[in-house]
Protein backbone atom coordinates (compact mmCIF):
# COMPACT_ATOMS: atom_id res chain seq x y z
CA MET A 1 100.13 116.51 66.10
CA SER A 2 101.41 119.77 64.62
CA ASP A 3 104.88 121.12 65.31
CA ASP A 4 103.21 124.38 66.39
CA LEU A 5 101.26 122.63 69.15
CA ARG A 6 104.36 120.78 70.34
CA ALA A 7 106.24 124.08 70.48
CA PHE A 8 103.34 125.62 72.39
CA VAL A 9 103.46 122.81 74.96
CA ASP A 10 107.23 123.16 75.35
CA GLY A 11 106.92 126.80 76.37
CA LEU A 12 103.68 126.53 78.34
CA PRO A 13 103.99 127.36 82.07
CA LYS A 14 102.78 124.28 83.93
CA ALA A 15 102.16 122.63 87.28
CA GLU A 16 103.19 118.98 87.80
CA LEU A 17 101.07 117.33 90.48
CA HIS A 18 102.01 113.65 90.22
CA VAL A 19 105.70 112.91 89.85
CA HIS A 20 107.78 110.59 92.01
CA HIS A 21 111.12 111.52 93.50
CA ILE A 22 112.86 108.18 92.88
CA GLY A 23 111.00 107.64 89.62
CA SER A 24 112.34 110.95 88.29
CA ALA A 25 115.98 109.92 88.54
CA SER A 26 117.50 110.58 85.12
CA PRO A 27 119.35 107.73 83.39
CA ASP A 28 122.63 109.54 84.06
CA ALA A 29 121.81 109.80 87.77
CA VAL A 30 120.74 106.15 87.99
CA LEU A 31 123.89 105.00 86.19
CA GLN A 32 126.08 107.11 88.47
CA LEU A 33 124.43 105.67 91.57
CA ALA A 34 124.45 102.10 90.20
CA GLN A 35 128.15 102.35 89.43
CA ARG A 36 128.79 103.78 92.88
CA HIS A 37 126.98 100.84 94.48
CA ALA A 38 128.04 98.16 91.97
CA GLY A 39 128.04 94.68 93.37
CA ILE A 40 125.19 95.30 95.79
CA THR A 41 122.46 96.24 93.31
CA PRO A 42 120.75 94.52 90.37
CA VAL A 43 120.48 97.86 88.55
CA PRO A 44 122.63 97.76 85.37
CA THR A 45 125.66 100.02 85.18
CA ASP A 46 125.50 100.56 81.40
CA ARG A 47 123.00 102.63 79.43
CA GLU A 48 121.71 99.85 77.14
CA GLY A 49 121.27 97.49 80.06
CA LEU A 50 119.37 100.18 81.96
CA ALA A 51 117.00 100.73 79.02
CA ARG A 52 116.22 97.00 78.99
CA TYR A 53 115.86 97.03 82.78
CA PHE A 54 113.20 99.74 82.47
CA THR A 55 111.00 97.59 80.18
CA PHE A 56 108.19 96.40 82.42
CA THR A 57 106.13 93.23 82.06
CA ASP A 58 103.38 94.27 84.47
CA PHE A 59 102.71 96.54 87.44
CA GLY A 60 104.31 94.12 89.91
CA HIS A 61 107.52 94.07 87.86
CA PHE A 62 107.52 97.87 87.75
CA ILE A 63 107.33 98.00 91.56
CA GLU A 64 110.22 95.53 91.81
CA VAL A 65 112.40 97.67 89.54
CA TYR A 66 111.30 100.88 91.27
CA LEU A 67 112.33 99.53 94.68
CA SER A 68 115.73 98.49 93.33
CA VAL A 69 116.33 102.08 92.18
CA ALA A 70 115.15 103.36 95.57
CA ASP A 71 117.80 101.14 97.13
CA LEU A 72 120.46 103.23 95.38
CA ILE A 73 119.65 106.21 97.61
CA ARG A 74 121.86 105.42 100.59
CA ASP A 75 122.97 108.71 102.18
CA PRO A 76 121.91 112.37 102.42
CA THR A 77 124.24 113.33 99.57
CA ASP A 78 122.34 110.93 97.28
CA VAL A 79 119.07 112.51 98.45
CA TRP A 80 120.32 116.04 97.73
CA THR A 81 121.73 115.13 94.31
CA LEU A 82 118.55 113.40 93.17
CA THR A 83 116.26 116.14 94.51
CA HIS A 84 118.24 118.92 92.88
CA GLN A 85 118.35 117.09 89.54
CA VAL A 86 114.58 116.47 89.64
CA GLY A 87 113.91 120.16 90.24
CA VAL A 88 116.25 121.32 87.48
CA ASP A 89 114.75 118.86 84.99
CA LEU A 90 111.23 120.04 85.79
CA ALA A 91 112.17 123.70 85.52
CA ALA A 92 113.65 123.04 82.06
CA GLN A 93 110.14 122.01 80.93
CA GLN A 94 108.65 125.32 82.10
CA VAL A 95 107.16 123.69 85.18
CA ARG A 96 106.58 126.56 87.59
CA TYR A 97 105.23 124.45 90.45
CA ALA A 98 105.63 120.76 91.28
CA GLU A 99 104.35 118.53 94.03
CA VAL A 100 106.92 115.74 94.21
CA THR A 101 105.94 112.46 95.84
CA ILE A 102 108.60 111.35 98.33
CA THR A 103 108.78 107.99 100.14
CA PRO A 104 110.78 108.66 103.34
CA TYR A 105 110.35 105.09 104.55
CA SER A 106 112.51 103.73 101.73
CA SER A 107 115.44 105.83 102.90
CA VAL A 108 114.87 105.70 106.65
CA VAL A 109 114.69 101.90 106.61
CA ARG A 110 118.07 101.89 104.84
CA GLY A 111 119.66 103.87 107.64
CA ILE A 112 119.33 107.53 106.68
CA ALA A 113 118.18 109.47 109.72
CA ALA A 114 114.79 111.11 109.15
CA GLU A 115 116.14 114.51 110.13
CA ALA A 116 119.08 114.24 107.72
CA PHE A 117 116.79 113.03 104.95
CA CYS A 118 114.45 116.00 105.35
CA GLU A 119 117.35 118.44 105.67
CA ALA A 120 118.78 117.21 102.36
CA LEU A 121 115.37 117.56 100.68
CA GLU A 122 114.92 121.09 101.95
CA ASP A 123 118.45 122.22 101.13
CA ALA A 124 118.08 120.97 97.56
CA ARG A 125 114.63 122.57 97.27
CA ARG A 126 115.95 125.94 98.37
CA ALA A 127 118.84 125.71 95.91
CA VAL A 128 116.54 124.88 93.01
CA GLU A 129 114.07 127.61 93.90
CA ARG A 130 116.90 130.13 94.22
CA ASP A 131 118.44 129.35 90.84
CA HIS A 132 115.43 128.33 88.74
CA ASP A 133 111.91 129.64 88.16
CA ILE A 134 110.13 126.84 90.04
CA THR A 135 108.50 126.11 93.38
CA LEU A 136 108.83 122.59 94.79
CA ARG A 137 106.55 121.03 97.37
CA TRP A 138 106.45 117.53 98.86
CA CYS A 139 103.90 114.76 99.24
CA PHE A 140 105.15 112.15 101.73
CA ASP A 141 103.64 108.81 100.76
CA ILE A 142 103.25 105.41 102.36
CA PRO A 143 104.66 102.48 100.35
CA GLY A 144 101.53 100.35 100.63
CA GLU A 145 103.33 97.04 100.14
CA ALA A 146 105.24 97.63 103.41
CA GLY A 147 102.03 97.85 105.43
CA VAL A 148 101.08 99.64 108.62
CA GLU A 149 104.65 99.75 109.91
CA ALA A 150 105.65 101.87 106.93
CA ALA A 151 102.60 104.06 107.47
CA ASP A 152 103.66 104.62 111.08
CA VAL A 153 107.16 105.65 110.01
CA THR A 154 105.91 107.90 107.21
CA LEU A 155 103.50 109.71 109.50
CA ASP A 156 106.16 110.10 112.17
CA VAL A 157 108.65 111.64 109.72
CA ALA A 158 105.97 113.91 108.29
CA LEU A 159 104.75 115.27 111.60
CA ARG A 160 107.94 115.19 113.67
CA CYS A 161 110.29 116.65 111.06
CA ARG A 162 107.61 118.59 109.12
CA PRO A 163 109.82 120.06 106.37
CA ASP A 164 108.71 123.46 105.12
CA GLY A 165 107.93 122.09 101.67
CA LEU A 166 105.57 119.37 102.87
CA VAL A 167 101.94 119.92 101.79
CA SER A 168 100.33 116.49 101.48
CA PHE A 169 100.17 112.86 102.53
CA GLY A 170 99.85 109.99 100.07
CA LEU A 171 99.77 106.25 99.48
CA GLY A 172 101.63 104.51 96.67
CA GLY A 173 102.88 101.09 95.69
CA PRO A 174 100.75 98.12 94.63
CA GLU A 175 96.98 98.51 94.87
CA VAL A 176 95.92 94.88 94.45
CA GLY A 177 96.11 93.17 97.83
CA VAL A 178 96.78 96.42 99.73
CA ALA A 179 93.56 97.53 101.39
CA ARG A 180 93.10 101.30 101.58
CA PRO A 181 91.07 101.27 104.84
CA GLN A 182 94.00 99.99 106.94
CA PHE A 183 95.59 103.42 106.60
CA ALA A 184 92.51 105.42 107.61
CA SER A 185 93.87 106.53 110.99
CA HIS A 186 97.15 107.70 109.44
CA PHE A 187 95.36 109.88 106.92
CA ALA A 188 93.00 111.23 109.56
CA ARG A 189 95.95 112.29 111.69
CA ALA A 190 97.79 113.83 108.73
CA LYS A 191 94.70 115.80 107.72
CA ALA A 192 94.16 116.95 111.29
CA GLU A 193 97.71 118.33 111.18
CA GLY A 194 96.96 120.31 108.03
CA LEU A 195 98.24 117.99 105.31
CA HIS A 196 96.19 117.28 102.20
CA SER A 197 95.15 113.73 101.27
CA VAL A 198 96.32 112.45 97.85
CA PRO A 199 96.39 108.64 97.78
CA HIS A 200 96.91 106.53 94.69
CA ALA A 201 93.89 104.45 93.72
CA GLY A 202 92.23 103.00 90.66
CA GLU A 203 95.41 102.54 88.67
CA SER A 204 95.97 98.77 88.66
CA ALA A 205 92.94 98.02 90.86
CA GLY A 206 89.26 98.64 90.17
CA PRO A 207 86.78 101.36 91.17
CA GLN A 208 86.42 100.05 94.74
CA SER A 209 89.94 101.22 95.55
CA ILE A 210 88.86 104.75 94.61
CA TRP A 211 85.70 104.53 96.71
CA ASP A 212 87.88 103.41 99.63
CA ALA A 213 90.29 106.30 99.07
CA LEU A 214 87.37 108.71 99.19
CA ASP A 215 85.49 107.16 102.10
CA PHE A 216 88.34 106.00 104.34
CA LEU A 217 91.26 108.28 103.44
CA GLY A 218 89.41 111.53 102.79
CA ALA A 219 91.05 111.92 99.38
CA GLU A 220 91.11 115.45 98.00
CA ARG A 221 92.76 114.33 94.77
CA ILE A 222 93.32 110.80 93.50
CA GLY A 223 96.61 109.59 92.07
CA HIS A 224 95.71 108.01 88.70
CA GLY A 225 92.07 107.03 89.38
CA ILE A 226 91.52 105.87 85.80
CA ALA A 227 89.36 102.90 86.89
CA ALA A 228 86.65 105.45 87.73
CA ALA A 229 85.70 105.31 84.06
CA GLN A 230 84.22 101.86 84.76
CA ASP A 231 81.72 103.26 87.29
CA PRO A 232 79.36 106.10 86.30
CA VAL A 233 78.18 106.53 89.90
CA LEU A 234 81.79 106.95 91.02
CA MET A 235 82.50 109.51 88.31
CA GLN A 236 79.52 111.53 89.48
CA ALA A 237 80.73 111.24 93.08
CA LEU A 238 84.12 112.62 92.06
CA ILE A 239 82.40 115.53 90.35
CA ASP A 240 80.08 116.18 93.30
CA ARG A 241 82.90 116.02 95.85
CA GLY A 242 85.26 118.18 93.80
CA VAL A 243 87.93 115.47 93.63
CA SER A 244 90.21 115.54 90.60
CA LEU A 245 92.29 112.76 89.09
CA GLU A 246 96.03 112.95 88.46
CA VAL A 247 96.23 111.11 85.13
CA CYS A 248 99.53 109.81 83.72
CA PRO A 249 98.77 108.25 80.32
CA THR A 250 102.14 106.83 79.26
CA SER A 251 102.76 105.43 82.74
CA ASN A 252 99.48 103.51 82.60
CA VAL A 253 100.52 101.84 79.35
CA CYS A 254 104.08 101.09 80.49
CA THR A 255 102.87 99.37 83.67
CA ARG A 256 100.24 97.47 81.66
CA SER A 257 97.44 99.08 83.65
CA VAL A 258 96.02 100.07 80.24
CA PRO A 259 96.63 97.96 77.10
CA SER A 260 97.43 100.91 74.84
CA LEU A 261 97.09 104.67 74.55
CA GLY A 262 94.23 104.12 72.12
CA GLU A 263 92.33 102.33 74.89
CA HIS A 264 93.12 104.85 77.61
CA PRO A 265 90.02 105.99 79.56
CA LEU A 266 91.08 109.66 79.65
CA PRO A 267 88.54 110.71 76.97
CA ALA A 268 85.71 108.91 78.78
CA LEU A 269 86.60 110.60 82.06
CA VAL A 270 86.69 114.05 80.48
CA GLU A 271 83.45 113.45 78.57
CA ALA A 272 81.76 112.53 81.87
CA GLY A 273 82.88 115.82 83.40
CA VAL A 274 85.53 114.47 85.79
CA VAL A 275 88.27 117.02 86.48
CA VAL A 276 91.65 115.67 85.37
CA THR A 277 95.22 116.90 85.34
CA ILE A 278 98.02 115.56 83.16
CA ASN A 279 101.19 114.36 84.84
CA SER A 280 104.30 112.27 84.21
CA ASP A 281 104.57 109.89 87.22
CA ASP A 282 108.05 108.33 86.75
CA PRO A 283 109.17 109.98 83.52
CA PRO A 284 112.68 108.59 82.84
CA MET A 285 111.52 105.08 83.68
CA PHE A 286 108.77 105.43 81.07
CA ALA A 287 110.89 107.34 78.53
CA THR A 288 108.59 110.36 78.73
CA THR A 289 108.39 113.92 80.07
CA LEU A 290 105.57 116.14 81.29
CA ASN A 291 105.70 118.00 77.98
CA ASN A 292 105.27 114.72 76.14
CA GLU A 293 102.31 113.78 78.35
CA TYR A 294 100.61 117.05 77.37
CA VAL A 295 101.15 116.16 73.72
CA VAL A 296 99.73 112.67 74.33
CA ALA A 297 96.70 114.14 76.12
CA ALA A 298 96.15 116.66 73.33
CA SER A 299 96.06 113.80 70.84
CA LEU A 300 93.72 111.65 72.93
CA LEU A 301 91.35 114.56 73.57
CA ASP A 302 91.73 116.29 70.18
CA LEU A 303 92.75 119.56 71.81
CA ASP A 304 93.87 122.81 70.23
CA VAL A 305 96.10 125.42 71.86
CA THR A 306 93.30 126.67 74.10
CA GLY A 307 92.45 123.14 75.23
CA VAL A 308 96.07 122.46 76.12
CA ALA A 309 96.29 125.73 78.04
CA ASP A 310 93.11 124.73 79.87
CA LEU A 311 94.87 121.57 81.08
CA ALA A 312 97.60 123.74 82.56
CA ARG A 313 95.04 126.10 84.13
CA THR A 314 93.24 123.16 85.71
CA ALA A 315 96.46 121.86 87.27
CA ALA A 316 97.14 125.28 88.75
CA GLN A 317 93.64 125.49 90.18
CA VAL A 318 93.57 122.05 91.83
CA SER A 319 97.14 122.33 93.13
CA PHE A 320 97.90 123.04 96.77
CA LEU A 321 99.32 126.45 95.99
CA PRO A 322 97.94 129.38 98.00
CA GLU A 323 95.14 131.18 96.18
CA ALA A 324 97.29 134.18 95.26
CA ALA A 325 99.93 131.92 93.74
CA LYS A 326 97.26 129.98 91.81
CA ALA A 327 96.02 133.26 90.36
CA SER A 328 99.57 134.30 89.46
CA LEU A 329 100.33 131.03 87.65
CA THR A 330 96.97 131.12 85.87
CA ALA A 331 97.65 134.68 84.73
CA GLU A 332 101.04 133.59 83.38
CA ILE A 333 99.37 130.78 81.43
CA ASP A 334 96.78 133.22 80.07
CA ALA A 335 99.49 135.66 78.98
CA TYR A 336 101.50 132.92 77.31
CA GLU A 337 98.48 131.69 75.37
CA ALA A 338 97.58 135.22 74.31
CA SER A 339 101.11 135.82 73.03
CA ARG A 340 101.17 132.74 70.78
CA PRO A 341 99.64 132.27 67.33
CA THR A 342 96.65 129.92 67.42
CA GLY A 343 96.64 128.84 63.80
């Protein structure tokens, strides 16, 4: 990978469509929160211990660690601090637009009032958008491992509080053993109220989880979806239905959903014609960034500057931005590419 292409990625205006709120907590933020709540959390309070803590044995272990970090968010001030930091970190990577996945249930069940939670999110969003060149939007997602009760709470918070930044409804957490169809009525209601459907599927489970996300949850985009590469009929269905995949290469390796980057199905998906975007998922937990994921994707797909810019254009086009804003971001990407040497 040439230094020129890395530099191009660093300055490229981008959209981030699959990044988690809790999973974006920087090491400094996690350490600060862990020290604040020392004695009631298993999260280490030193940097070396935290690095070891973020070494995952499998997807189930990742979820266990993720939930322990979520447990550090205990009041609206924590929510504001984390949200603001996430926005600033994204803006520093030239991310112009981000859809951040939020799990209200994790905070509400710990005693933060839904209204206060949403107010903190929105106040931080407005501050970031005022001071940095970025637009933040929210996807409220169901933690699948907590079942229908969590889905009820998530839908209630989404529709009753309805923060201005909310654009979509999702489903995260473990896929194995968590049936997608049980949440069909929740997604139907969310879609009826104008929210987009973006469930996770096909990350640690097989192609059937993606079929279920399409058929029962009305998915408009799929979080991860890499198992589609195992099913040619499914890949064609994604193409025919205009459903794109939010691919996060390093995340898939770190959670052991894929054995190695060399075995990642991204090239097979692209070769089949499936629309993909490149995203970072839980970047500090996986020691990555969105810029790094673009570099990884460029290597896997053997892309030049134009190919990398095309990834950014695709993310803008399949985002939930209004059409005028999509056109504006695409034009900015075009202008940036045109201003850079291609050799």
